[in-house]
Amino acid sequence: MKEGTIKIQHLLSEPLVLTSRGSAIRRQVDYLLLKYKIQPTIALESSDIFTVVELAKKMAITFVPKSVRVLPSSSDYNLCLLPEELISLDYFISHATNRTLSSVEEELIDLFLKSLSQSDQKITNYFTGSDHKR
């Protein structure tokens, strides 16, 4: 399928086959469900990503990392690539509580927060179609 043709909200609202809670990909899917305020319909959970892939081919939707090779099939199922900006990562900056940040350190934090905000807007635009020509 062509990138950007299906809204993420639609995919997340379909029955899902997911990896078990705590896995890296599941944390990212849970983040998306929370972000888009979607109560998922989880058809099945498995701790084995390959089981998840094979079951999703037959009965539901799943999300897998690029590192899991899935061969395209023109008639059995669709593969949709999601933009990398969609992946959720946790970042933090720490410093001693008794230390005041320098102006350079504060600028770094401001730049980082601005970058996060721009990235979040790109994700929103991608799935709402506001950055695609119609």
Protein backbone atom coordinates (compact mmCIF):
# COMPACT_ATOMS: atom_id res chain seq x y z
CA MET A 1 0.00 0.00 0.00
CA LYS A 2 1.12 3.52 -0.64
CA GLU A 3 2.58 5.30 2.39
CA GLY A 4 0.10 7.60 4.08
CA THR A 5 -3.04 6.08 2.51
CA ILE A 6 -4.39 4.62 5.76
CA LYS A 7 -4.73 6.68 8.90
CA ILE A 8 -3.01 5.25 11.97
CA GLN A 9 -6.25 5.71 13.93
CA HIS A 10 -7.97 3.30 11.53
CA LEU A 11 -5.25 0.67 11.87
CA LEU A 12 -5.23 0.91 15.66
CA SER A 13 -9.03 0.54 15.77
CA GLU A 14 -8.97 -2.81 13.97
CA PRO A 15 -8.52 -6.15 15.81
CA LEU A 16 -4.85 -6.43 16.75
CA VAL A 17 -2.43 -9.29 17.24
CA LEU A 18 0.31 -7.93 19.49
CA THR A 19 3.45 -8.97 21.23
CA SER A 20 3.26 -9.29 25.02
CA ARG A 21 3.29 -6.21 27.23
CA GLY A 22 6.80 -5.00 27.95
CA SER A 23 8.29 -5.83 24.54
CA ALA A 24 9.86 -2.92 22.67
CA ILE A 25 7.34 -2.97 19.82
CA ARG A 26 4.41 -3.35 22.23
CA ARG A 27 5.54 -0.29 24.21
CA GLN A 28 5.51 1.68 20.97
CA VAL A 29 2.05 0.42 20.00
CA ASP A 30 0.77 1.17 23.51
CA TYR A 31 2.17 4.69 23.15
CA LEU A 32 0.25 5.16 19.89
CA LEU A 33 -2.96 3.81 21.41
CA LEU A 34 -2.61 6.26 24.28
CA LYS A 35 -1.67 9.15 22.00
CA TYR A 36 -4.70 8.62 19.75
CA LYS A 37 -7.00 7.73 22.68
CA ILE A 38 -7.99 4.37 21.18
CA GLN A 39 -9.27 1.46 23.26
CA PRO A 40 -7.79 -1.51 21.38
CA THR A 41 -9.46 -4.75 20.41
CA ILE A 42 -6.69 -7.25 21.08
CA ALA A 43 -7.47 -10.53 19.32
CA LEU A 44 -4.37 -12.26 20.62
CA GLU A 45 -1.04 -11.63 22.37
CA SER A 46 2.14 -13.69 22.02
CA SER A 47 5.67 -13.40 23.31
CA ASP A 48 6.96 -14.63 19.94
CA ILE A 49 7.10 -11.97 17.22
CA PHE A 50 7.09 -14.58 14.44
CA THR A 51 3.88 -16.11 15.80
CA VAL A 52 2.37 -12.62 15.89
CA VAL A 53 3.31 -12.03 12.25
CA GLU A 54 1.88 -15.32 11.02
CA LEU A 55 -1.38 -14.88 12.94
CA ALA A 56 -1.80 -11.31 11.76
CA LYS A 57 -1.47 -12.48 8.15
CA LYS A 58 -4.61 -14.57 8.67
CA MET A 59 -6.80 -12.66 11.10
CA ALA A 60 -5.87 -9.16 12.19
CA ILE A 61 -3.40 -6.29 12.14
CA THR A 62 -0.03 -6.17 13.84
CA PHE A 63 2.98 -3.91 14.05
CA VAL A 64 6.48 -5.33 13.67
CA PRO A 65 9.91 -3.71 13.47
CA LYS A 66 11.80 -3.55 10.19
CA SER A 67 14.22 -6.13 11.53
CA VAL A 68 11.51 -8.81 11.25
CA ARG A 69 11.45 -9.83 7.63
CA VAL A 70 7.96 -10.18 6.18
CA LEU A 71 7.66 -11.04 2.52
CA PRO A 72 5.08 -9.02 0.58
CA SER A 73 2.05 -10.84 -0.77
CA SER A 74 -0.22 -9.29 -3.34
CA SER A 75 -3.28 -11.35 -2.42
CA ASP A 76 -3.05 -12.61 1.16
CA TYR A 77 -2.28 -9.48 3.17
CA ASN A 78 -1.08 -5.89 2.95
CA LEU A 79 2.13 -4.45 4.31
CA CYS A 80 2.06 -0.83 5.35
CA LEU A 81 5.29 0.92 6.24
CA LEU A 82 4.94 3.42 9.04
CA PRO A 83 7.17 6.49 9.20
CA GLU A 84 10.09 6.19 11.60
CA GLU A 85 8.98 9.41 13.30
CA LEU A 86 6.11 7.40 14.76
CA ILE A 87 8.40 5.37 17.00
CA SER A 88 8.39 6.43 20.61
CA LEU A 89 11.65 6.75 22.50
CA ASP A 90 12.26 8.09 25.98
CA TYR A 91 15.00 10.67 26.41
CA PHE A 92 16.15 12.43 29.50
CA ILE A 93 18.82 14.84 30.61
CA SER A 94 19.98 14.60 34.18
CA HIS A 95 22.17 16.76 36.34
CA ALA A 96 22.98 17.12 39.99
CA THR A 97 20.16 18.84 41.87
CA ASN A 98 22.59 21.24 43.55
CA ARG A 99 23.97 22.43 40.20
CA THR A 100 22.56 25.29 38.12
CA LEU A 101 22.46 24.71 34.37
CA SER A 102 24.70 26.89 32.21
CA SER A 103 23.20 28.95 29.39
CA VAL A 104 24.60 26.46 26.85
CA GLU A 105 22.94 23.56 28.69
CA GLU A 106 19.65 25.44 28.82
CA GLU A 107 19.91 26.17 25.08
CA LEU A 108 20.48 22.46 24.46
CA ILE A 109 17.30 21.60 26.35
CA ASP A 110 15.32 24.28 24.51
CA LEU A 111 16.61 23.00 21.15
CA PHE A 112 15.72 19.43 22.09
CA LEU A 113 12.19 20.37 23.17
CA LYS A 114 11.66 22.39 19.98
CA SER A 115 12.84 19.43 17.90
CA LEU A 116 10.40 17.10 19.73
CA SER A 117 7.55 19.49 19.10
CA GLN A 118 8.35 19.68 15.37
CA SER A 119 8.62 15.89 15.16
CA ASP A 120 5.25 15.46 16.87
CA GLN A 121 3.70 17.89 14.37
CA LYS A 122 5.17 15.88 11.46
CA ILE A 123 3.56 12.70 12.83
CA THR A 124 0.21 14.44 13.16
CA ASN A 125 0.44 15.88 9.64
CA TYR A 126 1.40 12.51 8.18
CA PHE A 127 -1.65 10.70 9.52
CA THR A 128 -4.15 13.48 9.04
CA GLY A 129 -3.01 13.92 5.46
CA SER A 130 -2.36 17.62 5.91
CA ASP A 131 1.14 17.33 4.43
CA HIS A 132 0.07 15.25 1.41
CA LYS A 133 -1.22 16.55 -1.89
CA ARG A 134 -4.74 15.40 -2.59
